[in-house]
Amino acid sequence: MRRAWAIGIVILSLTACAGHTRPAGLKRAHVERLYFGRNIGDTATVSDSAWTRFVHEVITTNFPEGATIWDAAGQWRDPSGATVRERSFVVELVHLVTPDVESRVTRVMDEYKRRFAQQSVLRLVAEAWASF
């Protein structure tokens, strides 16, 4: 009985270590979500027209291959423990993994922070397989 358990554990261990094969026709890609808060300080917000200009001038310029964009509502706790609610924009990018993408994403995030006096832009990255 112990031998059967030992063999079973070895088999499970080996299958857990097996790599995932690439599905036919797909390439390694990243799915990125960028979250852009609309609050500027305590009183101002990023207007729809300012956001539209930003999308045209910055996002489209850096990602002409496309992006999916939607409005969102988010919240978090500030250092004092107060809940802060904020309307946001979410941009999803699906792109092949290439050396220049990191600099393009960073340019978009940095320009938003500069243009709209933001402390940060939330960025999530997930690995995926994609075909275009």
Protein backbone atom coordinates (compact mmCIF):
# COMPACT_ATOMS: atom_id res chain seq x y z
CA MET A 1 0.00 0.00 0.00
CA ARG A 2 2.80 2.42 0.83
CA ARG A 3 4.43 1.68 -2.49
CA ALA A 4 1.21 2.52 -4.36
CA TRP A 5 0.99 5.83 -2.50
CA ALA A 6 4.61 6.63 -3.29
CA ILE A 7 4.11 5.87 -6.99
CA GLY A 8 0.95 7.98 -7.03
CA ILE A 9 2.73 10.92 -5.44
CA VAL A 10 5.58 10.68 -7.96
CA ILE A 11 3.13 10.60 -10.89
CA LEU A 12 1.18 13.58 -9.55
CA SER A 13 4.40 15.50 -8.96
CA LEU A 14 5.59 14.90 -12.50
CA THR A 15 2.29 15.93 -14.09
CA ALA A 16 2.22 19.09 -11.97
CA CYS A 17 5.64 20.03 -13.35
CA ALA A 18 4.65 19.51 -16.98
CA GLY A 19 4.58 22.74 -18.98
CA HIS A 20 1.51 24.00 -20.74
CA THR A 21 1.64 23.64 -24.49
CA ARG A 22 0.83 26.55 -26.74
CA PRO A 23 -2.54 26.24 -28.43
CA ALA A 24 -2.23 26.04 -32.23
CA GLY A 25 -2.12 29.41 -33.98
CA LEU A 26 -1.72 31.46 -30.82
CA LYS A 27 1.21 33.53 -29.62
CA ARG A 28 2.28 34.56 -26.12
CA ALA A 29 0.54 37.79 -25.16
CA HIS A 30 -0.27 40.04 -22.23
CA VAL A 31 -3.67 41.35 -21.21
CA GLU A 32 -3.19 44.68 -19.44
CA ARG A 33 -5.75 46.74 -17.59
CA LEU A 34 -4.96 50.32 -16.71
CA TYR A 35 -7.21 52.13 -14.23
CA PHE A 36 -7.28 55.92 -14.53
CA GLY A 37 -8.96 57.79 -11.67
CA ARG A 38 -10.94 60.91 -12.60
CA ASN A 39 -10.55 62.90 -9.37
CA ILE A 40 -8.07 65.77 -9.41
CA GLY A 41 -7.58 66.75 -5.80
CA ASP A 42 -10.76 67.16 -3.76
CA THR A 43 -12.74 69.38 -6.12
CA ALA A 44 -11.91 68.83 -9.80
CA THR A 45 -12.35 65.90 -12.17
CA VAL A 46 -11.03 64.81 -15.55
CA SER A 47 -13.76 65.92 -17.96
CA ASP A 48 -15.10 63.72 -20.75
CA SER A 49 -13.58 66.05 -23.35
CA ALA A 50 -10.15 66.01 -21.64
CA TRP A 51 -10.31 62.20 -21.50
CA THR A 52 -11.26 62.00 -25.20
CA ARG A 53 -8.26 64.18 -26.08
CA PHE A 54 -6.00 61.99 -23.93
CA VAL A 55 -7.25 58.83 -25.65
CA HIS A 56 -6.68 60.35 -29.08
CA GLU A 57 -3.30 61.97 -28.36
CA VAL A 58 -1.72 59.41 -26.04
CA ILE A 59 -3.41 56.00 -25.99
CA THR A 60 -4.14 55.76 -29.71
CA THR A 61 -0.69 57.12 -30.57
CA ASN A 62 1.03 54.53 -28.37
CA PHE A 63 -1.34 51.64 -29.13
CA PRO A 64 -2.63 52.08 -32.68
CA GLU A 65 -3.33 48.33 -32.76
CA GLY A 66 -6.28 49.00 -30.46
CA ALA A 67 -7.66 49.19 -26.94
CA THR A 68 -10.95 48.56 -25.20
CA ILE A 69 -12.10 51.40 -22.95
CA TRP A 70 -14.94 51.68 -20.46
CA ASP A 71 -16.18 53.80 -17.55
CA ALA A 72 -15.97 52.38 -14.05
CA ALA A 73 -16.60 53.32 -10.44
CA GLY A 74 -14.00 52.43 -7.85
CA GLN A 75 -13.26 52.87 -4.18
CA TRP A 76 -10.45 52.42 -1.67
CA ARG A 77 -9.48 53.41 1.85
CA ASP A 78 -7.16 56.34 2.31
CA PRO A 79 -4.51 56.43 5.07
CA SER A 80 -7.02 57.92 7.53
CA GLY A 81 -9.39 54.98 6.99
CA ALA A 82 -11.98 56.97 5.03
CA THR A 83 -13.54 55.31 1.99
CA VAL A 84 -12.83 57.28 -1.18
CA ARG A 85 -15.12 56.71 -4.16
CA GLU A 86 -14.05 57.75 -7.62
CA ARG A 87 -15.26 57.47 -11.17
CA SER A 88 -12.57 55.97 -13.37
CA PHE A 89 -11.69 54.93 -16.88
CA VAL A 90 -10.41 51.42 -17.58
CA VAL A 91 -8.28 50.67 -20.63
CA GLU A 92 -7.65 47.07 -21.62
CA LEU A 93 -4.78 46.28 -23.96
CA VAL A 94 -4.08 42.88 -25.50
CA HIS A 95 -0.67 42.77 -27.10
CA LEU A 96 2.07 40.39 -28.06
CA VAL A 97 5.03 40.38 -25.70
CA THR A 98 7.62 42.63 -27.33
CA PRO A 99 10.45 44.76 -25.94
CA ASP A 100 8.86 48.11 -26.83
CA VAL A 101 5.49 47.53 -25.14
CA GLU A 102 6.77 48.25 -21.62
CA SER A 103 7.99 51.70 -22.65
CA ARG A 104 4.70 52.47 -24.43
CA VAL A 105 2.62 51.50 -21.39
CA THR A 106 4.89 53.54 -19.12
CA ARG A 107 4.54 56.57 -21.44
CA VAL A 108 0.74 56.37 -21.26
CA MET A 109 0.74 56.08 -17.45
CA ASP A 110 3.30 58.84 -16.94
CA GLU A 111 1.51 61.24 -19.27
CA TYR A 112 -1.83 60.71 -17.49
CA LYS A 113 -0.21 61.39 -14.11
CA ARG A 114 1.49 64.51 -15.46
CA ARG A 115 -1.48 65.88 -17.37
CA PHE A 116 -4.08 65.34 -14.65
CA ALA A 117 -1.99 65.65 -11.45
CA GLN A 118 -2.45 62.01 -10.48
CA GLN A 119 -0.38 60.09 -7.94
CA SER A 120 -0.72 56.77 -9.71
CA VAL A 121 -2.36 54.66 -12.40
CA LEU A 122 -3.25 51.09 -11.41
CA ARG A 123 -1.80 48.50 -13.81
CA LEU A 124 -2.68 44.80 -13.94
CA VAL A 125 -0.91 42.36 -16.28
CA ALA A 126 -1.92 38.77 -17.04
CA GLU A 127 -0.25 36.32 -19.37
CA ALA A 128 -2.38 34.91 -22.18
CA TRP A 129 -2.32 33.33 -25.62
CA ALA A 130 -3.73 35.40 -28.48
CA SER A 131 -4.15 35.58 -32.23
CA PHE A 132 -5.01 38.66 -34.23
